[in-house]
Structure formats: structure tokens, C-alpha cells
Amino acid sequence: MASALLKPSFFCLVALPFSAWADDVPPPWQSEVELGLQALSGNSDSITLNTRLGMSYTSGPYRHTSEAKFLLVEKDGEEDKRKGEMESQANYKFDPSRYVLANITYTNDKYGPYFDDFTFATGLGYQAIWREDMTLLLEVGPGYRYQKPNLDEIDDDDLILPHNVQEFIVRGQAEWMWQMTKTAELQGRLTTISGPSNTSFEARLSVQTSLIDDLAIKISTTQKYINDVPPGLSNLDSIFTVNMVYKF
């Protein structure tokens, strides 16, 4: 079973949600790896692997961040879920508090409701707060969305409608970080994407506490709301994770 965990491939580019953007920023490259693993045995065997790999690069007015996540679930020796997510964003700062951006988000889910879920957006960003202990970034702009549903895997409880989506969208995002203490950090992100087919809101909140040196524990929750869902389903989905984090 352990060898099966090595088979799926990861998306290669990833990055931290926040990386200081001041004149005294340390090395331009920053990276981190997260890993959460749950194994159950007894009447039934299951393994859940939840990972995130990150890297960011900042040089002068340029900043690039990416994020890749991977989820694998095996039950009784058979693969039950395999999902990969990638987000990459490039920014160019044209004055002390404003920047232009290009964002790409892609999800591939072999057993989930979508084979492919792709979004591209551009726009403007604004540093509403930029202090050593707290930052707040605001972004808005137009984009394009493509979604291809997995008709063979759609269940009665999936929050999607069974048709392809190709449409122009408007994307907005607020990203916040608070360094509460020397060892504890709180991060939040609210992203909304609106198009003719539906409007979604995704809120992420995480608390990260250092254990020793570059090793930390991270607790996070994601709440996603979709306004147009199949009849009888709730518009809200939730995810909760606990991961170990190593920064390098």
C-alpha cells in the first residue's frame, strides 16, 4: 500500500500565500512543505494522504507565488480519491502599494465531479495594509473559466450541474495575514468568482504554530459556497485539515 502512495504525480509549482514584499526581504526564494497522513486498520483499512508544496520568488517589482495540493485516499487497498490542485500567480508592482496580476487555477479530480476545472484571471491588486506583523491584499479583475464535469462520477451530493462551462468571469480576492506572536501566525483568504453559470465564495482560515526551528503544525478550514446547486443540496461545503509544515 505504501508504494501506491508514490505513484500519483504532484503538480510541480507551488508557493506560500504570503511573502514579505519590502526592501529588506530576505532571500528571494522561499518554500514550504505540508504533510497530513491518516491510516486506519481493523475492520477496514484506509490511508488518507494530504500534501501541499510551496515556493515563492520576489525580485524588485516582480513577485511569483504558486501553490499545489494533492489528496489521495485508499480504502481496503483500492484507490478511492485522487485530486490535484494548482494555483500560480505573477504580480508586477508599478507603485508602492499597487500591482497588476495574472492568476491561473487548475483542478484535476479523477474520481470527483470535475475532470478539469480551469480559471484564468488578470486584474489589479492593492496593499491595503503592509506592516511587519500584518498584511492585507485586495485584488479584482476579469477572467475566463472552463469546467468539464465527470459525468460518470457525479453523485447526488455533488454541488455541480452536469454541463460544460466556458464563460467570462469576474474574480475578487482579499488575503490577510497576522503574525500574532513570534511563533504563531493567522492567515485568511476570501475568493469570489462570478460568471453566468454560478457565483462561488471560498473562505480559508489557518493557524500555524512553530514547534522547533523550521517545523510547525498548521490547522486550517475551508468553506466554499456556490449559489446555483442541484435541487435539495446545501450550498455550502467544508474541509478541515491538520498538517505538519516544514519551511526551507
Protein backbone atom coordinates (compact mmCIF):
# COMPACT_ATOMS: atom_id res chain seq x y z
CA MET A 1 0.00 0.00 0.00
CA ALA A 2 2.90 2.31 0.74
CA SER A 3 4.13 2.01 -2.84
CA ALA A 4 0.75 3.15 -4.09
CA LEU A 5 1.25 6.45 -2.31
CA LEU A 6 4.27 7.12 -4.51
CA LYS A 7 2.51 6.56 -7.84
CA PRO A 8 0.48 9.77 -8.22
CA SER A 9 2.46 12.71 -9.53
CA PHE A 10 2.41 16.16 -7.99
CA PHE A 11 1.89 19.48 -9.70
CA CYS A 12 5.36 20.98 -9.69
CA LEU A 13 5.00 24.71 -9.00
CA VAL A 14 3.77 25.97 -5.62
CA ALA A 15 4.08 28.87 -3.27
CA LEU A 16 3.37 30.50 0.01
CA PRO A 17 0.22 32.58 0.21
CA PHE A 18 2.23 35.43 1.67
CA SER A 19 5.85 36.50 1.38
CA ALA A 20 7.14 39.87 2.59
CA TRP A 21 7.45 42.49 -0.13
CA ALA A 22 9.60 45.11 1.48
CA ASP A 23 13.06 46.37 0.69
CA ASP A 24 14.65 44.25 3.45
CA VAL A 25 13.07 40.94 2.41
CA PRO A 26 15.49 38.01 2.97
CA PRO A 27 16.41 35.61 0.11
CA PRO A 28 14.09 35.84 -2.93
CA TRP A 29 13.23 32.12 -2.83
CA GLN A 30 11.05 30.79 -0.01
CA SER A 31 9.49 27.33 0.20
CA GLU A 32 7.46 25.10 2.49
CA VAL A 33 6.08 21.56 2.51
CA GLU A 34 2.95 20.37 4.32
CA LEU A 35 2.03 16.77 5.04
CA GLY A 36 -1.01 15.21 6.68
CA LEU A 37 -1.39 11.43 6.89
CA GLN A 38 -4.16 9.31 8.41
CA ALA A 39 -4.09 5.49 8.49
CA LEU A 40 -6.87 3.27 9.87
CA SER A 41 -6.89 -0.51 10.33
CA GLY A 42 -9.18 -3.13 11.83
CA ASN A 43 -12.49 -3.97 10.22
CA SER A 44 -11.40 -1.90 7.23
CA ASP A 45 -8.10 -0.39 6.09
CA SER A 46 -7.74 3.15 4.76
CA ILE A 47 -4.99 5.69 4.13
CA THR A 48 -5.51 9.40 3.52
CA LEU A 49 -2.58 11.48 2.28
CA ASN A 50 -2.94 15.26 2.15
CA THR A 51 0.03 17.34 0.95
CA ARG A 52 0.94 20.87 -0.07
CA LEU A 53 4.24 22.06 -1.56
CA GLY A 54 5.12 25.72 -1.88
CA MET A 55 7.62 28.12 -3.38
CA SER A 56 7.68 31.88 -3.89
CA TYR A 57 10.08 34.24 -5.63
CA THR A 58 10.35 38.01 -5.17
CA SER A 59 12.77 40.27 -7.02
CA GLY A 60 12.33 44.04 -7.25
CA PRO A 61 8.81 44.79 -8.55
CA TYR A 62 8.22 41.15 -9.58
CA ARG A 63 6.62 38.54 -7.35
CA HIS A 64 5.61 35.00 -8.25
CA THR A 65 3.66 32.65 -5.99
CA SER A 66 2.26 29.21 -6.69
CA GLU A 67 0.52 26.53 -4.68
CA ALA A 68 -0.01 22.84 -5.36
CA LYS A 69 -2.09 20.42 -3.29
CA PHE A 70 -2.58 16.70 -3.60
CA LEU A 71 -5.11 14.39 -1.95
CA LEU A 72 -5.04 10.58 -2.08
CA VAL A 73 -7.45 8.22 -0.34
CA GLU A 74 -7.15 4.42 -0.37
CA LYS A 75 -9.74 2.07 1.11
CA ASP A 76 -9.10 -1.65 1.55
CA GLY A 77 -6.15 -1.50 -0.85
CA GLU A 78 -8.00 0.32 -3.64
CA GLU A 79 -7.69 3.94 -4.68
CA ASP A 80 -10.85 5.86 -3.72
CA LYS A 81 -9.88 9.51 -4.33
CA ARG A 82 -7.09 11.28 -6.19
CA LYS A 83 -7.25 15.04 -6.54
CA GLY A 84 -4.65 17.60 -7.59
CA GLU A 85 -4.94 21.38 -7.36
CA MET A 86 -2.56 24.04 -8.65
CA GLU A 87 -2.64 27.83 -8.39
CA SER A 88 0.02 30.17 -9.76
CA GLN A 89 0.11 33.96 -9.72
CA ALA A 90 2.54 36.55 -11.10
CA ASN A 91 2.50 40.17 -9.88
CA TYR A 92 4.22 43.32 -11.10
CA LYS A 93 4.30 46.25 -8.71
CA PHE A 94 4.06 49.60 -10.50
CA ASP A 95 3.94 51.84 -7.43
CA PRO A 96 4.49 51.37 -3.65
CA SER A 97 1.03 49.92 -2.98
CA ARG A 98 -0.48 48.77 -6.30
CA TYR A 99 0.29 45.96 -8.74
CA VAL A 100 -1.04 44.15 -11.81
CA LEU A 101 -1.53 40.38 -11.68
CA ALA A 102 -2.18 37.23 -13.68
CA ASN A 103 -3.65 34.20 -11.91
CA ILE A 104 -4.13 30.59 -13.09
CA THR A 105 -6.00 27.97 -11.08
CA TYR A 106 -6.43 24.35 -12.16
CA THR A 107 -8.04 21.31 -10.52
CA ASN A 108 -7.92 17.73 -11.79
CA ASP A 109 -10.07 15.20 -9.93
CA LYS A 110 -10.08 11.62 -11.22
CA TYR A 111 -12.98 10.42 -9.09
CA GLY A 112 -14.68 13.74 -8.31
CA PRO A 113 -17.39 15.74 -10.06
CA TYR A 114 -14.94 17.61 -12.33
CA PHE A 115 -12.29 16.09 -14.59
CA ASP A 116 -10.99 19.62 -15.25
CA ASP A 117 -11.70 22.95 -13.58
CA PHE A 118 -9.62 25.80 -15.02
CA THR A 119 -9.70 29.54 -14.27
CA PHE A 120 -7.55 32.34 -15.67
CA ALA A 121 -7.84 35.90 -14.39
CA THR A 122 -5.98 39.18 -14.53
CA GLY A 123 -6.54 42.45 -12.73
CA LEU A 124 -5.25 44.96 -10.19
CA GLY A 125 -4.07 44.46 -6.62
CA TYR A 126 -3.76 46.88 -3.71
CA GLN A 127 -1.76 46.61 -0.48
CA ALA A 128 -4.38 47.95 1.95
CA ILE A 129 -2.20 47.05 4.97
CA TRP A 130 1.52 46.32 4.85
CA ARG A 131 3.20 46.08 8.25
CA GLU A 132 5.73 43.72 9.75
CA ASP A 133 3.04 41.95 11.79
CA MET A 134 0.03 42.29 9.46
CA THR A 135 -0.76 42.43 5.74
CA LEU A 136 -3.95 42.79 3.72
CA LEU A 137 -4.04 42.45 -0.09
CA LEU A 138 -7.12 43.25 -2.18
CA GLU A 139 -7.49 42.10 -5.82
CA VAL A 140 -10.14 42.31 -8.55
CA GLY A 141 -10.26 41.72 -12.29
CA PRO A 142 -11.80 39.89 -15.29
CA GLY A 143 -11.06 36.33 -16.35
CA TYR A 144 -12.22 33.11 -18.03
CA ARG A 145 -13.48 29.82 -16.62
CA TYR A 146 -13.61 26.32 -18.15
CA GLN A 147 -15.19 23.37 -16.33
CA LYS A 148 -15.68 19.84 -17.63
CA PRO A 149 -17.83 17.64 -15.36
CA ASN A 150 -17.04 13.97 -14.81
CA LEU A 151 -20.46 12.61 -15.78
CA ASP A 152 -19.56 9.06 -14.71
CA GLU A 153 -18.62 10.14 -11.18
CA ILE A 154 -21.20 12.80 -10.30
CA ASP A 155 -23.07 11.79 -7.13
CA ASP A 156 -26.34 13.04 -5.75
CA ASP A 157 -24.47 15.10 -3.13
CA ASP A 158 -22.05 16.91 -5.52
CA LEU A 159 -22.58 20.67 -5.74
CA ILE A 160 -22.38 20.97 -9.52
CA LEU A 161 -24.68 20.94 -12.51
CA PRO A 162 -23.89 18.35 -15.26
CA HIS A 163 -22.87 20.60 -18.15
CA ASN A 164 -19.66 22.08 -19.56
CA VAL A 165 -18.87 25.66 -18.60
CA GLN A 166 -16.97 28.10 -20.83
CA GLU A 167 -17.52 31.70 -19.81
CA PHE A 168 -16.05 35.07 -18.85
CA ILE A 169 -15.91 35.80 -15.13
CA VAL A 170 -15.04 38.43 -12.56
CA ARG A 171 -12.64 37.37 -9.80
CA GLY A 172 -12.08 39.16 -6.50
CA GLN A 173 -9.88 38.25 -3.57
CA ALA A 174 -8.88 39.51 -0.11
CA GLU A 175 -5.82 37.92 1.54
CA TRP A 176 -4.86 38.66 5.15
CA MET A 177 -2.01 37.66 7.47
CA TRP A 178 -1.46 38.44 11.16
CA GLN A 179 1.73 37.49 12.99
CA MET A 180 0.10 37.11 16.41
CA THR A 181 3.29 36.14 18.25
CA LYS A 182 6.82 35.20 17.30
CA THR A 183 5.75 31.57 16.82
CA ALA A 184 2.05 31.85 15.85
CA GLU A 185 0.56 33.12 12.58
CA LEU A 186 -3.04 33.53 11.45
CA GLN A 187 -3.88 33.60 7.72
CA GLY A 188 -7.18 34.16 5.93
CA ARG A 189 -8.30 34.34 2.32
CA LEU A 190 -11.66 35.07 0.71
CA THR A 191 -12.01 34.44 -3.04
CA THR A 192 -15.12 35.04 -5.10
CA ILE A 193 -15.64 34.06 -8.76
CA SER A 194 -18.78 35.18 -10.57
CA GLY A 195 -19.99 34.19 -14.04
CA PRO A 196 -23.23 33.46 -15.90
CA SER A 197 -23.34 29.82 -14.69
CA ASN A 198 -22.78 30.48 -10.96
CA THR A 199 -21.08 32.54 -8.29
CA SER A 200 -18.81 30.96 -5.70
CA PHE A 201 -17.25 32.18 -2.47
CA GLU A 202 -14.33 30.33 -0.89
CA ALA A 203 -13.05 31.27 2.58
CA ARG A 204 -9.85 29.80 4.01
CA LEU A 205 -8.62 30.29 7.56
CA SER A 206 -5.50 28.73 9.08
CA VAL A 207 -3.46 28.95 12.27
CA GLN A 208 0.20 27.94 12.18
CA THR A 209 2.37 27.47 15.28
CA SER A 210 6.10 26.75 15.26
CA LEU A 211 7.25 23.67 17.15
CA ILE A 212 11.03 23.61 16.66
CA ASP A 213 13.19 25.61 14.25
CA ASP A 214 11.51 25.38 10.81
CA LEU A 215 8.92 22.75 11.81
CA ALA A 216 5.35 23.82 12.58
CA ILE A 217 1.81 22.49 12.90
CA LYS A 218 -0.97 24.02 10.81
CA ILE A 219 -4.72 23.76 11.37
CA SER A 220 -6.92 25.03 8.54
CA THR A 221 -10.51 25.11 7.41
CA THR A 222 -12.03 25.90 4.00
CA GLN A 223 -15.65 26.87 3.47
CA LYS A 224 -16.98 27.01 -0.11
CA TYR A 225 -20.39 28.44 -1.04
CA ILE A 226 -21.92 28.02 -4.52
CA ASN A 227 -25.12 29.87 -5.29
CA ASP A 228 -26.51 27.55 -8.01
CA VAL A 229 -26.57 23.87 -6.99
CA PRO A 230 -28.76 20.84 -7.82
CA PRO A 231 -32.16 20.80 -6.05
CA GLY A 232 -32.17 19.58 -2.46
CA LEU A 233 -28.44 20.17 -1.76
CA SER A 234 -26.81 22.60 0.61
CA ASN A 235 -24.91 25.46 -1.00
CA LEU A 236 -22.03 25.13 1.48
CA ASP A 237 -19.17 22.58 1.64
CA SER A 238 -16.49 22.43 4.36
CA ILE A 239 -12.97 20.95 4.64
CA PHE A 240 -10.84 20.68 7.79
CA THR A 241 -7.15 19.65 7.82
CA VAL A 242 -4.28 19.31 10.31
CA ASN A 243 -0.80 19.23 8.73
CA MET A 244 2.84 19.34 9.71
CA VAL A 245 4.74 22.13 7.93
CA TYR A 246 8.45 22.36 7.13
CA LYS A 247 9.88 25.64 5.78
CA PHE A 248 13.14 25.83 3.87
